[in-house]
PDBML (XML) file of the C-alpha atoms, coordinates in Angstrom:
<?xml version="1.0" encoding="UTF-8" ?>
<PDBx:datablock datablockName="MODEL"
   xmlns:PDBx="http://pdbml.pdb.org/schema/pdbx-v50.xsd"
   xmlns:xsi="http://www.w3.org/2001/XMLSchema-instance"
   xsi:schemaLocation="http://pdbml.pdb.org/schema/pdbx-v50.xsd pdbx-v50.xsd">
   <PDBx:atom_siteCategory>
      <PDBx:atom_site id="1">
         <PDBx:B_iso_or_equiv>0.00</PDBx:B_iso_or_equiv>
         <PDBx:Cartn_x>7.491</PDBx:Cartn_x>
         <PDBx:Cartn_y>10.725</PDBx:Cartn_y>
         <PDBx:Cartn_z>-9.656</PDBx:Cartn_z>
         <PDBx:auth_asym_id>A</PDBx:auth_asym_id>
         <PDBx:auth_atom_id>CA</PDBx:auth_atom_id>
         <PDBx:auth_comp_id>ASP</PDBx:auth_comp_id>
         <PDBx:auth_seq_id>1</PDBx:auth_seq_id>
         <PDBx:group_PDB>ATOM</PDBx:group_PDB>
         <PDBx:label_alt_id xsi:nil="true" />
         <PDBx:label_asym_id>A</PDBx:label_asym_id>
         <PDBx:label_atom_id>CA</PDBx:label_atom_id>
         <PDBx:label_comp_id>ASP</PDBx:label_comp_id>
         <PDBx:label_entity_id>1</PDBx:label_entity_id>
         <PDBx:label_seq_id>1</PDBx:label_seq_id>
         <PDBx:occupancy>1.00</PDBx:occupancy>
         <PDBx:pdbx_PDB_model_num>1</PDBx:pdbx_PDB_model_num>
         <PDBx:type_symbol>C</PDBx:type_symbol>
      </PDBx:atom_site>
      <PDBx:atom_site id="2">
         <PDBx:B_iso_or_equiv>0.00</PDBx:B_iso_or_equiv>
         <PDBx:Cartn_x>8.656</PDBx:Cartn_x>
         <PDBx:Cartn_y>12.829</PDBx:Cartn_y>
         <PDBx:Cartn_z>-6.986</PDBx:Cartn_z>
         <PDBx:auth_asym_id>A</PDBx:auth_asym_id>
         <PDBx:auth_atom_id>CA</PDBx:auth_atom_id>
         <PDBx:auth_comp_id>ARG</PDBx:auth_comp_id>
         <PDBx:auth_seq_id>2</PDBx:auth_seq_id>
         <PDBx:group_PDB>ATOM</PDBx:group_PDB>
         <PDBx:label_alt_id xsi:nil="true" />
         <PDBx:label_asym_id>A</PDBx:label_asym_id>
         <PDBx:label_atom_id>CA</PDBx:label_atom_id>
         <PDBx:label_comp_id>ARG</PDBx:label_comp_id>
         <PDBx:label_entity_id>1</PDBx:label_entity_id>
         <PDBx:label_seq_id>2</PDBx:label_seq_id>
         <PDBx:occupancy>1.00</PDBx:occupancy>
         <PDBx:pdbx_PDB_model_num>1</PDBx:pdbx_PDB_model_num>
         <PDBx:type_symbol>C</PDBx:type_symbol>
      </PDBx:atom_site>
      <PDBx:atom_site id="3">
         <PDBx:B_iso_or_equiv>0.00</PDBx:B_iso_or_equiv>
         <PDBx:Cartn_x>9.227</PDBx:Cartn_x>
         <PDBx:Cartn_y>11.798</PDBx:Cartn_y>
         <PDBx:Cartn_z>-3.250</PDBx:Cartn_z>
         <PDBx:auth_asym_id>A</PDBx:auth_asym_id>
         <PDBx:auth_atom_id>CA</PDBx:auth_atom_id>
         <PDBx:auth_comp_id>ARG</PDBx:auth_comp_id>
         <PDBx:auth_seq_id>3</PDBx:auth_seq_id>
         <PDBx:group_PDB>ATOM</PDBx:group_PDB>
         <PDBx:label_alt_id xsi:nil="true" />
         <PDBx:label_asym_id>A</PDBx:label_asym_id>
         <PDBx:label_atom_id>CA</PDBx:label_atom_id>
         <PDBx:label_comp_id>ARG</PDBx:label_comp_id>
         <PDBx:label_entity_id>1</PDBx:label_entity_id>
         <PDBx:label_seq_id>3</PDBx:label_seq_id>
         <PDBx:occupancy>1.00</PDBx:occupancy>
         <PDBx:pdbx_PDB_model_num>1</PDBx:pdbx_PDB_model_num>
         <PDBx:type_symbol>C</PDBx:type_symbol>
      </PDBx:atom_site>
      <PDBx:atom_site id="4">
         <PDBx:B_iso_or_equiv>0.00</PDBx:B_iso_or_equiv>
         <PDBx:Cartn_x>5.698</PDBx:Cartn_x>
         <PDBx:Cartn_y>12.601</PDBx:Cartn_y>
         <PDBx:Cartn_z>-2.097</PDBx:Cartn_z>
         <PDBx:auth_asym_id>A</PDBx:auth_asym_id>
         <PDBx:auth_atom_id>CA</PDBx:auth_atom_id>
         <PDBx:auth_comp_id>ALA</PDBx:auth_comp_id>
         <PDBx:auth_seq_id>4</PDBx:auth_seq_id>
         <PDBx:group_PDB>ATOM</PDBx:group_PDB>
         <PDBx:label_alt_id xsi:nil="true" />
         <PDBx:label_asym_id>A</PDBx:label_asym_id>
         <PDBx:label_atom_id>CA</PDBx:label_atom_id>
         <PDBx:label_comp_id>ALA</PDBx:label_comp_id>
         <PDBx:label_entity_id>1</PDBx:label_entity_id>
         <PDBx:label_seq_id>4</PDBx:label_seq_id>
         <PDBx:occupancy>1.00</PDBx:occupancy>
         <PDBx:pdbx_PDB_model_num>1</PDBx:pdbx_PDB_model_num>
         <PDBx:type_symbol>C</PDBx:type_symbol>
      </PDBx:atom_site>
      <PDBx:atom_site id="5">
         <PDBx:B_iso_or_equiv>0.00</PDBx:B_iso_or_equiv>
         <PDBx:Cartn_x>4.287</PDBx:Cartn_x>
         <PDBx:Cartn_y>10.395</PDBx:Cartn_y>
         <PDBx:Cartn_z>-4.902</PDBx:Cartn_z>
         <PDBx:auth_asym_id>A</PDBx:auth_asym_id>
         <PDBx:auth_atom_id>CA</PDBx:auth_atom_id>
         <PDBx:auth_comp_id>GLN</PDBx:auth_comp_id>
         <PDBx:auth_seq_id>5</PDBx:auth_seq_id>
         <PDBx:group_PDB>ATOM</PDBx:group_PDB>
         <PDBx:label_alt_id xsi:nil="true" />
         <PDBx:label_asym_id>A</PDBx:label_asym_id>
         <PDBx:label_atom_id>CA</PDBx:label_atom_id>
         <PDBx:label_comp_id>GLN</PDBx:label_comp_id>
         <PDBx:label_entity_id>1</PDBx:label_entity_id>
         <PDBx:label_seq_id>5</PDBx:label_seq_id>
         <PDBx:occupancy>1.00</PDBx:occupancy>
         <PDBx:pdbx_PDB_model_num>1</PDBx:pdbx_PDB_model_num>
         <PDBx:type_symbol>C</PDBx:type_symbol>
      </PDBx:atom_site>
      <PDBx:atom_site id="6">
         <PDBx:B_iso_or_equiv>0.00</PDBx:B_iso_or_equiv>
         <PDBx:Cartn_x>6.415</PDBx:Cartn_x>
         <PDBx:Cartn_y>7.647</PDBx:Cartn_y>
         <PDBx:Cartn_z>-4.275</PDBx:Cartn_z>
         <PDBx:auth_asym_id>A</PDBx:auth_asym_id>
         <PDBx:auth_atom_id>CA</PDBx:auth_atom_id>
         <PDBx:auth_comp_id>LEU</PDBx:auth_comp_id>
         <PDBx:auth_seq_id>6</PDBx:auth_seq_id>
         <PDBx:group_PDB>ATOM</PDBx:group_PDB>
         <PDBx:label_alt_id xsi:nil="true" />
         <PDBx:label_asym_id>A</PDBx:label_asym_id>
         <PDBx:label_atom_id>CA</PDBx:label_atom_id>
         <PDBx:label_comp_id>LEU</PDBx:label_comp_id>
         <PDBx:label_entity_id>1</PDBx:label_entity_id>
         <PDBx:label_seq_id>6</PDBx:label_seq_id>
         <PDBx:occupancy>1.00</PDBx:occupancy>
         <PDBx:pdbx_PDB_model_num>1</PDBx:pdbx_PDB_model_num>
         <PDBx:type_symbol>C</PDBx:type_symbol>
      </PDBx:atom_site>
      <PDBx:atom_site id="7">
         <PDBx:B_iso_or_equiv>0.00</PDBx:B_iso_or_equiv>
         <PDBx:Cartn_x>5.530</PDBx:Cartn_x>
         <PDBx:Cartn_y>7.551</PDBx:Cartn_y>
         <PDBx:Cartn_z>-0.485</PDBx:Cartn_z>
         <PDBx:auth_asym_id>A</PDBx:auth_asym_id>
         <PDBx:auth_atom_id>CA</PDBx:auth_atom_id>
         <PDBx:auth_comp_id>ALA</PDBx:auth_comp_id>
         <PDBx:auth_seq_id>7</PDBx:auth_seq_id>
         <PDBx:group_PDB>ATOM</PDBx:group_PDB>
         <PDBx:label_alt_id xsi:nil="true" />
         <PDBx:label_asym_id>A</PDBx:label_asym_id>
         <PDBx:label_atom_id>CA</PDBx:label_atom_id>
         <PDBx:label_comp_id>ALA</PDBx:label_comp_id>
         <PDBx:label_entity_id>1</PDBx:label_entity_id>
         <PDBx:label_seq_id>7</PDBx:label_seq_id>
         <PDBx:occupancy>1.00</PDBx:occupancy>
         <PDBx:pdbx_PDB_model_num>1</PDBx:pdbx_PDB_model_num>
         <PDBx:type_symbol>C</PDBx:type_symbol>
      </PDBx:atom_site>
      <PDBx:atom_site id="8">
         <PDBx:B_iso_or_equiv>0.00</PDBx:B_iso_or_equiv>
         <PDBx:Cartn_x>1.812</PDBx:Cartn_x>
         <PDBx:Cartn_y>7.700</PDBx:Cartn_y>
         <PDBx:Cartn_z>-1.044</PDBx:Cartn_z>
         <PDBx:auth_asym_id>A</PDBx:auth_asym_id>
         <PDBx:auth_atom_id>CA</PDBx:auth_atom_id>
         <PDBx:auth_comp_id>LYS</PDBx:auth_comp_id>
         <PDBx:auth_seq_id>8</PDBx:auth_seq_id>
         <PDBx:group_PDB>ATOM</PDBx:group_PDB>
         <PDBx:label_alt_id xsi:nil="true" />
         <PDBx:label_asym_id>A</PDBx:label_asym_id>
         <PDBx:label_atom_id>CA</PDBx:label_atom_id>
         <PDBx:label_comp_id>LYS</PDBx:label_comp_id>
         <PDBx:label_entity_id>1</PDBx:label_entity_id>
         <PDBx:label_seq_id>8</PDBx:label_seq_id>
         <PDBx:occupancy>1.00</PDBx:occupancy>
         <PDBx:pdbx_PDB_model_num>1</PDBx:pdbx_PDB_model_num>
         <PDBx:type_symbol>C</PDBx:type_symbol>
      </PDBx:atom_site>
      <PDBx:atom_site id="9">
         <PDBx:B_iso_or_equiv>0.00</PDBx:B_iso_or_equiv>
         <PDBx:Cartn_x>1.896</PDBx:Cartn_x>
         <PDBx:Cartn_y>4.931</PDBx:Cartn_y>
         <PDBx:Cartn_z>-3.808</PDBx:Cartn_z>
         <PDBx:auth_asym_id>A</PDBx:auth_asym_id>
         <PDBx:auth_atom_id>CA</PDBx:auth_atom_id>
         <PDBx:auth_comp_id>ALA</PDBx:auth_comp_id>
         <PDBx:auth_seq_id>9</PDBx:auth_seq_id>
         <PDBx:group_PDB>ATOM</PDBx:group_PDB>
         <PDBx:label_alt_id xsi:nil="true" />
         <PDBx:label_asym_id>A</PDBx:label_asym_id>
         <PDBx:label_atom_id>CA</PDBx:label_atom_id>
         <PDBx:label_comp_id>ALA</PDBx:label_comp_id>
         <PDBx:label_entity_id>1</PDBx:label_entity_id>
         <PDBx:label_seq_id>9</PDBx:label_seq_id>
         <PDBx:occupancy>1.00</PDBx:occupancy>
         <PDBx:pdbx_PDB_model_num>1</PDBx:pdbx_PDB_model_num>
         <PDBx:type_symbol>C</PDBx:type_symbol>
      </PDBx:atom_site>
      <PDBx:atom_site id="10">
         <PDBx:B_iso_or_equiv>0.00</PDBx:B_iso_or_equiv>
         <PDBx:Cartn_x>3.976</PDBx:Cartn_x>
         <PDBx:Cartn_y>2.538</PDBx:Cartn_y>
         <PDBx:Cartn_z>-1.429</PDBx:Cartn_z>
         <PDBx:auth_asym_id>A</PDBx:auth_asym_id>
         <PDBx:auth_atom_id>CA</PDBx:auth_atom_id>
         <PDBx:auth_comp_id>ALA</PDBx:auth_comp_id>
         <PDBx:auth_seq_id>10</PDBx:auth_seq_id>
         <PDBx:group_PDB>ATOM</PDBx:group_PDB>
         <PDBx:label_alt_id xsi:nil="true" />
         <PDBx:label_asym_id>A</PDBx:label_asym_id>
         <PDBx:label_atom_id>CA</PDBx:label_atom_id>
         <PDBx:label_comp_id>ALA</PDBx:label_comp_id>
         <PDBx:label_entity_id>1</PDBx:label_entity_id>
         <PDBx:label_seq_id>10</PDBx:label_seq_id>
         <PDBx:occupancy>1.00</PDBx:occupancy>
         <PDBx:pdbx_PDB_model_num>1</PDBx:pdbx_PDB_model_num>
         <PDBx:type_symbol>C</PDBx:type_symbol>
      </PDBx:atom_site>
      <PDBx:atom_site id="11">
         <PDBx:B_iso_or_equiv>0.00</PDBx:B_iso_or_equiv>
         <PDBx:Cartn_x>1.977</PDBx:Cartn_x>
         <PDBx:Cartn_y>3.243</PDBx:Cartn_y>
         <PDBx:Cartn_z>1.400</PDBx:Cartn_z>
         <PDBx:auth_asym_id>A</PDBx:auth_asym_id>
         <PDBx:auth_atom_id>CA</PDBx:auth_atom_id>
         <PDBx:auth_comp_id>LEU</PDBx:auth_comp_id>
         <PDBx:auth_seq_id>11</PDBx:auth_seq_id>
         <PDBx:group_PDB>ATOM</PDBx:group_PDB>
         <PDBx:label_alt_id xsi:nil="true" />
         <PDBx:label_asym_id>A</PDBx:label_asym_id>
         <PDBx:label_atom_id>CA</PDBx:label_atom_id>
         <PDBx:label_comp_id>LEU</PDBx:label_comp_id>
         <PDBx:label_entity_id>1</PDBx:label_entity_id>
         <PDBx:label_seq_id>11</PDBx:label_seq_id>
         <PDBx:occupancy>1.00</PDBx:occupancy>
         <PDBx:pdbx_PDB_model_num>1</PDBx:pdbx_PDB_model_num>
         <PDBx:type_symbol>C</PDBx:type_symbol>
      </PDBx:atom_site>
      <PDBx:atom_site id="12">
         <PDBx:B_iso_or_equiv>0.00</PDBx:B_iso_or_equiv>
         <PDBx:Cartn_x>-1.274</PDBx:Cartn_x>
         <PDBx:Cartn_y>2.787</PDBx:Cartn_y>
         <PDBx:Cartn_z>-0.536</PDBx:Cartn_z>
         <PDBx:auth_asym_id>A</PDBx:auth_asym_id>
         <PDBx:auth_atom_id>CA</PDBx:auth_atom_id>
         <PDBx:auth_comp_id>ASP</PDBx:auth_comp_id>
         <PDBx:auth_seq_id>12</PDBx:auth_seq_id>
         <PDBx:group_PDB>ATOM</PDBx:group_PDB>
         <PDBx:label_alt_id xsi:nil="true" />
         <PDBx:label_asym_id>A</PDBx:label_asym_id>
         <PDBx:label_atom_id>CA</PDBx:label_atom_id>
         <PDBx:label_comp_id>ASP</PDBx:label_comp_id>
         <PDBx:label_entity_id>1</PDBx:label_entity_id>
         <PDBx:label_seq_id>12</PDBx:label_seq_id>
         <PDBx:occupancy>1.00</PDBx:occupancy>
         <PDBx:pdbx_PDB_model_num>1</PDBx:pdbx_PDB_model_num>
         <PDBx:type_symbol>C</PDBx:type_symbol>
      </PDBx:atom_site>
      <PDBx:atom_site id="13">
         <PDBx:B_iso_or_equiv>0.00</PDBx:B_iso_or_equiv>
         <PDBx:Cartn_x>0.138</PDBx:Cartn_x>
         <PDBx:Cartn_y>-0.692</PDBx:Cartn_y>
         <PDBx:Cartn_z>-1.970</PDBx:Cartn_z>
         <PDBx:auth_asym_id>A</PDBx:auth_asym_id>
         <PDBx:auth_atom_id>CA</PDBx:auth_atom_id>
         <PDBx:auth_comp_id>ALA</PDBx:auth_comp_id>
         <PDBx:auth_seq_id>13</PDBx:auth_seq_id>
         <PDBx:group_PDB>ATOM</PDBx:group_PDB>
         <PDBx:label_alt_id xsi:nil="true" />
         <PDBx:label_asym_id>A</PDBx:label_asym_id>
         <PDBx:label_atom_id>CA</PDBx:label_atom_id>
         <PDBx:label_comp_id>ALA</PDBx:label_comp_id>
         <PDBx:label_entity_id>1</PDBx:label_entity_id>
         <PDBx:label_seq_id>13</PDBx:label_seq_id>
         <PDBx:occupancy>1.00</PDBx:occupancy>
         <PDBx:pdbx_PDB_model_num>1</PDBx:pdbx_PDB_model_num>
         <PDBx:type_symbol>C</PDBx:type_symbol>
      </PDBx:atom_site>
      <PDBx:atom_site id="14">
         <PDBx:B_iso_or_equiv>0.00</PDBx:B_iso_or_equiv>
         <PDBx:Cartn_x>1.072</PDBx:Cartn_x>
         <PDBx:Cartn_y>-1.594</PDBx:Cartn_y>
         <PDBx:Cartn_z>1.845</PDBx:Cartn_z>
         <PDBx:auth_asym_id>A</PDBx:auth_asym_id>
         <PDBx:auth_atom_id>CA</PDBx:auth_atom_id>
         <PDBx:auth_comp_id>ALA</PDBx:auth_comp_id>
         <PDBx:auth_seq_id>14</PDBx:auth_seq_id>
         <PDBx:group_PDB>ATOM</PDBx:group_PDB>
         <PDBx:label_alt_id xsi:nil="true" />
         <PDBx:label_asym_id>A</PDBx:label_asym_id>
         <PDBx:label_atom_id>CA</PDBx:label_atom_id>
         <PDBx:label_comp_id>ALA</PDBx:label_comp_id>
         <PDBx:label_entity_id>1</PDBx:label_entity_id>
         <PDBx:label_seq_id>14</PDBx:label_seq_id>
         <PDBx:occupancy>1.00</PDBx:occupancy>
         <PDBx:pdbx_PDB_model_num>1</PDBx:pdbx_PDB_model_num>
         <PDBx:type_symbol>C</PDBx:type_symbol>
      </PDBx:atom_site>
      <PDBx:atom_site id="15">
         <PDBx:B_iso_or_equiv>0.00</PDBx:B_iso_or_equiv>
         <PDBx:Cartn_x>-2.284</PDBx:Cartn_x>
         <PDBx:Cartn_y>-0.786</PDBx:Cartn_y>
         <PDBx:Cartn_z>3.235</PDBx:Cartn_z>
         <PDBx:auth_asym_id>A</PDBx:auth_asym_id>
         <PDBx:auth_atom_id>CA</PDBx:auth_atom_id>
         <PDBx:auth_comp_id>LEU</PDBx:auth_comp_id>
         <PDBx:auth_seq_id>15</PDBx:auth_seq_id>
         <PDBx:group_PDB>ATOM</PDBx:group_PDB>
         <PDBx:label_alt_id xsi:nil="true" />
         <PDBx:label_asym_id>A</PDBx:label_asym_id>
         <PDBx:label_atom_id>CA</PDBx:label_atom_id>
         <PDBx:label_comp_id>LEU</PDBx:label_comp_id>
         <PDBx:label_entity_id>1</PDBx:label_entity_id>
         <PDBx:label_seq_id>15</PDBx:label_seq_id>
         <PDBx:occupancy>1.00</PDBx:occupancy>
         <PDBx:pdbx_PDB_model_num>1</PDBx:pdbx_PDB_model_num>
         <PDBx:type_symbol>C</PDBx:type_symbol>
      </PDBx:atom_site>
      <PDBx:atom_site id="16">
         <PDBx:B_iso_or_equiv>0.00</PDBx:B_iso_or_equiv>
         <PDBx:Cartn_x>-4.291</PDBx:Cartn_x>
         <PDBx:Cartn_y>-2.802</PDBx:Cartn_y>
         <PDBx:Cartn_z>0.609</PDBx:Cartn_z>
         <PDBx:auth_asym_id>A</PDBx:auth_asym_id>
         <PDBx:auth_atom_id>CA</PDBx:auth_atom_id>
         <PDBx:auth_comp_id>GLU</PDBx:auth_comp_id>
         <PDBx:auth_seq_id>16</PDBx:auth_seq_id>
         <PDBx:group_PDB>ATOM</PDBx:group_PDB>
         <PDBx:label_alt_id xsi:nil="true" />
         <PDBx:label_asym_id>A</PDBx:label_asym_id>
         <PDBx:label_atom_id>CA</PDBx:label_atom_id>
         <PDBx:label_comp_id>GLU</PDBx:label_comp_id>
         <PDBx:label_entity_id>1</PDBx:label_entity_id>
         <PDBx:label_seq_id>16</PDBx:label_seq_id>
         <PDBx:occupancy>1.00</PDBx:occupancy>
         <PDBx:pdbx_PDB_model_num>1</PDBx:pdbx_PDB_model_num>
         <PDBx:type_symbol>C</PDBx:type_symbol>
      </PDBx:atom_site>
      <PDBx:atom_site id="17">
         <PDBx:B_iso_or_equiv>0.00</PDBx:B_iso_or_equiv>
         <PDBx:Cartn_x>-1.902</PDBx:Cartn_x>
         <PDBx:Cartn_y>-5.844</PDBx:Cartn_y>
         <PDBx:Cartn_z>0.852</PDBx:Cartn_z>
         <PDBx:auth_asym_id>A</PDBx:auth_asym_id>
         <PDBx:auth_atom_id>CA</PDBx:auth_atom_id>
         <PDBx:auth_comp_id>ILE</PDBx:auth_comp_id>
         <PDBx:auth_seq_id>17</PDBx:auth_seq_id>
         <PDBx:group_PDB>ATOM</PDBx:group_PDB>
         <PDBx:label_alt_id xsi:nil="true" />
         <PDBx:label_asym_id>A</PDBx:label_asym_id>
         <PDBx:label_atom_id>CA</PDBx:label_atom_id>
         <PDBx:label_comp_id>ILE</PDBx:label_comp_id>
         <PDBx:label_entity_id>1</PDBx:label_entity_id>
         <PDBx:label_seq_id>17</PDBx:label_seq_id>
         <PDBx:occupancy>1.00</PDBx:occupancy>
         <PDBx:pdbx_PDB_model_num>1</PDBx:pdbx_PDB_model_num>
         <PDBx:type_symbol>C</PDBx:type_symbol>
      </PDBx:atom_site>
      <PDBx:atom_site id="18">
         <PDBx:B_iso_or_equiv>0.00</PDBx:B_iso_or_equiv>
         <PDBx:Cartn_x>-2.461</PDBx:Cartn_x>
         <PDBx:Cartn_y>-5.927</PDBx:Cartn_y>
         <PDBx:Cartn_z>4.525</PDBx:Cartn_z>
         <PDBx:auth_asym_id>A</PDBx:auth_asym_id>
         <PDBx:auth_atom_id>CA</PDBx:auth_atom_id>
         <PDBx:auth_comp_id>SER</PDBx:auth_comp_id>
         <PDBx:auth_seq_id>18</PDBx:auth_seq_id>
         <PDBx:group_PDB>ATOM</PDBx:group_PDB>
         <PDBx:label_alt_id xsi:nil="true" />
         <PDBx:label_asym_id>A</PDBx:label_asym_id>
         <PDBx:label_atom_id>CA</PDBx:label_atom_id>
         <PDBx:label_comp_id>SER</PDBx:label_comp_id>
         <PDBx:label_entity_id>1</PDBx:label_entity_id>
         <PDBx:label_seq_id>18</PDBx:label_seq_id>
         <PDBx:occupancy>1.00</PDBx:occupancy>
         <PDBx:pdbx_PDB_model_num>1</PDBx:pdbx_PDB_model_num>
         <PDBx:type_symbol>C</PDBx:type_symbol>
      </PDBx:atom_site>
      <PDBx:atom_site id="19">
         <PDBx:B_iso_or_equiv>0.00</PDBx:B_iso_or_equiv>
         <PDBx:Cartn_x>-6.102</PDBx:Cartn_x>
         <PDBx:Cartn_y>-5.899</PDBx:Cartn_y>
         <PDBx:Cartn_z>3.913</PDBx:Cartn_z>
         <PDBx:auth_asym_id>A</PDBx:auth_asym_id>
         <PDBx:auth_atom_id>CA</PDBx:auth_atom_id>
         <PDBx:auth_comp_id>GLU</PDBx:auth_comp_id>
         <PDBx:auth_seq_id>19</PDBx:auth_seq_id>
         <PDBx:group_PDB>ATOM</PDBx:group_PDB>
         <PDBx:label_alt_id xsi:nil="true" />
         <PDBx:label_asym_id>A</PDBx:label_asym_id>
         <PDBx:label_atom_id>CA</PDBx:label_atom_id>
         <PDBx:label_comp_id>GLU</PDBx:label_comp_id>
         <PDBx:label_entity_id>1</PDBx:label_entity_id>
         <PDBx:label_seq_id>19</PDBx:label_seq_id>
         <PDBx:occupancy>1.00</PDBx:occupancy>
         <PDBx:pdbx_PDB_model_num>1</PDBx:pdbx_PDB_model_num>
         <PDBx:type_symbol>C</PDBx:type_symbol>
      </PDBx:atom_site>
      <PDBx:atom_site id="20">
         <PDBx:B_iso_or_equiv>0.00</PDBx:B_iso_or_equiv>
         <PDBx:Cartn_x>-5.939</PDBx:Cartn_x>
         <PDBx:Cartn_y>-8.563</PDBx:Cartn_y>
         <PDBx:Cartn_z>1.227</PDBx:Cartn_z>
         <PDBx:auth_asym_id>A</PDBx:auth_asym_id>
         <PDBx:auth_atom_id>CA</PDBx:auth_atom_id>
         <PDBx:auth_comp_id>PHE</PDBx:auth_comp_id>
         <PDBx:auth_seq_id>20</PDBx:auth_seq_id>
         <PDBx:group_PDB>ATOM</PDBx:group_PDB>
         <PDBx:label_alt_id xsi:nil="true" />
         <PDBx:label_asym_id>A</PDBx:label_asym_id>
         <PDBx:label_atom_id>CA</PDBx:label_atom_id>
         <PDBx:label_comp_id>PHE</PDBx:label_comp_id>
         <PDBx:label_entity_id>1</PDBx:label_entity_id>
         <PDBx:label_seq_id>20</PDBx:label_seq_id>
         <PDBx:occupancy>1.00</PDBx:occupancy>
         <PDBx:pdbx_PDB_model_num>1</PDBx:pdbx_PDB_model_num>
         <PDBx:type_symbol>C</PDBx:type_symbol>
      </PDBx:atom_site>
      <PDBx:atom_site id="21">
         <PDBx:B_iso_or_equiv>0.00</PDBx:B_iso_or_equiv>
         <PDBx:Cartn_x>-3.896</PDBx:Cartn_x>
         <PDBx:Cartn_y>-10.865</PDBx:Cartn_y>
         <PDBx:Cartn_z>3.589</PDBx:Cartn_z>
         <PDBx:auth_asym_id>A</PDBx:auth_asym_id>
         <PDBx:auth_atom_id>CA</PDBx:auth_atom_id>
         <PDBx:auth_comp_id>THR</PDBx:auth_comp_id>
         <PDBx:auth_seq_id>21</PDBx:auth_seq_id>
         <PDBx:group_PDB>ATOM</PDBx:group_PDB>
         <PDBx:label_alt_id xsi:nil="true" />
         <PDBx:label_asym_id>A</PDBx:label_asym_id>
         <PDBx:label_atom_id>CA</PDBx:label_atom_id>
         <PDBx:label_comp_id>THR</PDBx:label_comp_id>
         <PDBx:label_entity_id>1</PDBx:label_entity_id>
         <PDBx:label_seq_id>21</PDBx:label_seq_id>
         <PDBx:occupancy>1.00</PDBx:occupancy>
         <PDBx:pdbx_PDB_model_num>1</PDBx:pdbx_PDB_model_num>
         <PDBx:type_symbol>C</PDBx:type_symbol>
      </PDBx:atom_site>
      <PDBx:atom_site id="22">
         <PDBx:B_iso_or_equiv>0.00</PDBx:B_iso_or_equiv>
         <PDBx:Cartn_x>-6.210</PDBx:Cartn_x>
         <PDBx:Cartn_y>-10.507</PDBx:Cartn_y>
         <PDBx:Cartn_z>6.459</PDBx:Cartn_z>
         <PDBx:auth_asym_id>A</PDBx:auth_asym_id>
         <PDBx:auth_atom_id>CA</PDBx:auth_atom_id>
         <PDBx:auth_comp_id>GLU</PDBx:auth_comp_id>
         <PDBx:auth_seq_id>22</PDBx:auth_seq_id>
         <PDBx:group_PDB>ATOM</PDBx:group_PDB>
         <PDBx:label_alt_id xsi:nil="true" />
         <PDBx:label_asym_id>A</PDBx:label_asym_id>
         <PDBx:label_atom_id>CA</PDBx:label_atom_id>
         <PDBx:label_comp_id>GLU</PDBx:label_comp_id>
         <PDBx:label_entity_id>1</PDBx:label_entity_id>
         <PDBx:label_seq_id>22</PDBx:label_seq_id>
         <PDBx:occupancy>1.00</PDBx:occupancy>
         <PDBx:pdbx_PDB_model_num>1</PDBx:pdbx_PDB_model_num>
         <PDBx:type_symbol>C</PDBx:type_symbol>
      </PDBx:atom_site>
      <PDBx:atom_site id="23">
         <PDBx:B_iso_or_equiv>0.00</PDBx:B_iso_or_equiv>
         <PDBx:Cartn_x>-9.230</PDBx:Cartn_x>
         <PDBx:Cartn_y>-11.229</PDBx:Cartn_y>
         <PDBx:Cartn_z>4.179</PDBx:Cartn_z>
         <PDBx:auth_asym_id>A</PDBx:auth_asym_id>
         <PDBx:auth_atom_id>CA</PDBx:auth_atom_id>
         <PDBx:auth_comp_id>SER</PDBx:auth_comp_id>
         <PDBx:auth_seq_id>23</PDBx:auth_seq_id>
         <PDBx:group_PDB>ATOM</PDBx:group_PDB>
         <PDBx:label_alt_id xsi:nil="true" />
         <PDBx:label_asym_id>A</PDBx:label_asym_id>
         <PDBx:label_atom_id>CA</PDBx:label_atom_id>
         <PDBx:label_comp_id>SER</PDBx:label_comp_id>
         <PDBx:label_entity_id>1</PDBx:label_entity_id>
         <PDBx:label_seq_id>23</PDBx:label_seq_id>
         <PDBx:occupancy>1.00</PDBx:occupancy>
         <PDBx:pdbx_PDB_model_num>1</PDBx:pdbx_PDB_model_num>
         <PDBx:type_symbol>C</PDBx:type_symbol>
      </PDBx:atom_site>
      <PDBx:atom_site id="24">
         <PDBx:B_iso_or_equiv>0.00</PDBx:B_iso_or_equiv>
         <PDBx:Cartn_x>-7.377</PDBx:Cartn_x>
         <PDBx:Cartn_y>-14.219</PDBx:Cartn_y>
         <PDBx:Cartn_z>2.562</PDBx:Cartn_z>
         <PDBx:auth_asym_id>A</PDBx:auth_asym_id>
         <PDBx:auth_atom_id>CA</PDBx:auth_atom_id>
         <PDBx:auth_comp_id>LEU</PDBx:auth_comp_id>
         <PDBx:auth_seq_id>24</PDBx:auth_seq_id>
         <PDBx:group_PDB>ATOM</PDBx:group_PDB>
         <PDBx:label_alt_id xsi:nil="true" />
         <PDBx:label_asym_id>A</PDBx:label_asym_id>
         <PDBx:label_atom_id>CA</PDBx:label_atom_id>
         <PDBx:label_comp_id>LEU</PDBx:label_comp_id>
         <PDBx:label_entity_id>1</PDBx:label_entity_id>
         <PDBx:label_seq_id>24</PDBx:label_seq_id>
         <PDBx:occupancy>1.00</PDBx:occupancy>
         <PDBx:pdbx_PDB_model_num>1</PDBx:pdbx_PDB_model_num>
         <PDBx:type_symbol>C</PDBx:type_symbol>
      </PDBx:atom_site>
      <PDBx:atom_site id="25">
         <PDBx:B_iso_or_equiv>0.00</PDBx:B_iso_or_equiv>
         <PDBx:Cartn_x>-7.211</PDBx:Cartn_x>
         <PDBx:Cartn_y>-15.816</PDBx:Cartn_y>
         <PDBx:Cartn_z>6.042</PDBx:Cartn_z>
         <PDBx:auth_asym_id>A</PDBx:auth_asym_id>
         <PDBx:auth_atom_id>CA</PDBx:auth_atom_id>
         <PDBx:auth_comp_id>GLY</PDBx:auth_comp_id>
         <PDBx:auth_seq_id>25</PDBx:auth_seq_id>
         <PDBx:group_PDB>ATOM</PDBx:group_PDB>
         <PDBx:label_alt_id xsi:nil="true" />
         <PDBx:label_asym_id>A</PDBx:label_asym_id>
         <PDBx:label_atom_id>CA</PDBx:label_atom_id>
         <PDBx:label_comp_id>GLY</PDBx:label_comp_id>
         <PDBx:label_entity_id>1</PDBx:label_entity_id>
         <PDBx:label_seq_id>25</PDBx:label_seq_id>
         <PDBx:occupancy>1.00</PDBx:occupancy>
         <PDBx:pdbx_PDB_model_num>1</PDBx:pdbx_PDB_model_num>
         <PDBx:type_symbol>C</PDBx:type_symbol>
      </PDBx:atom_site>
   </PDBx:atom_siteCategory>
</PDBx:datablock>
């Protein structure tokens, strides 16, 4: 993947991790 793809994938994962963590609580 190119740099833009890597950044987007990591950011999308971060947003989903944040949402999951909040919902778990």
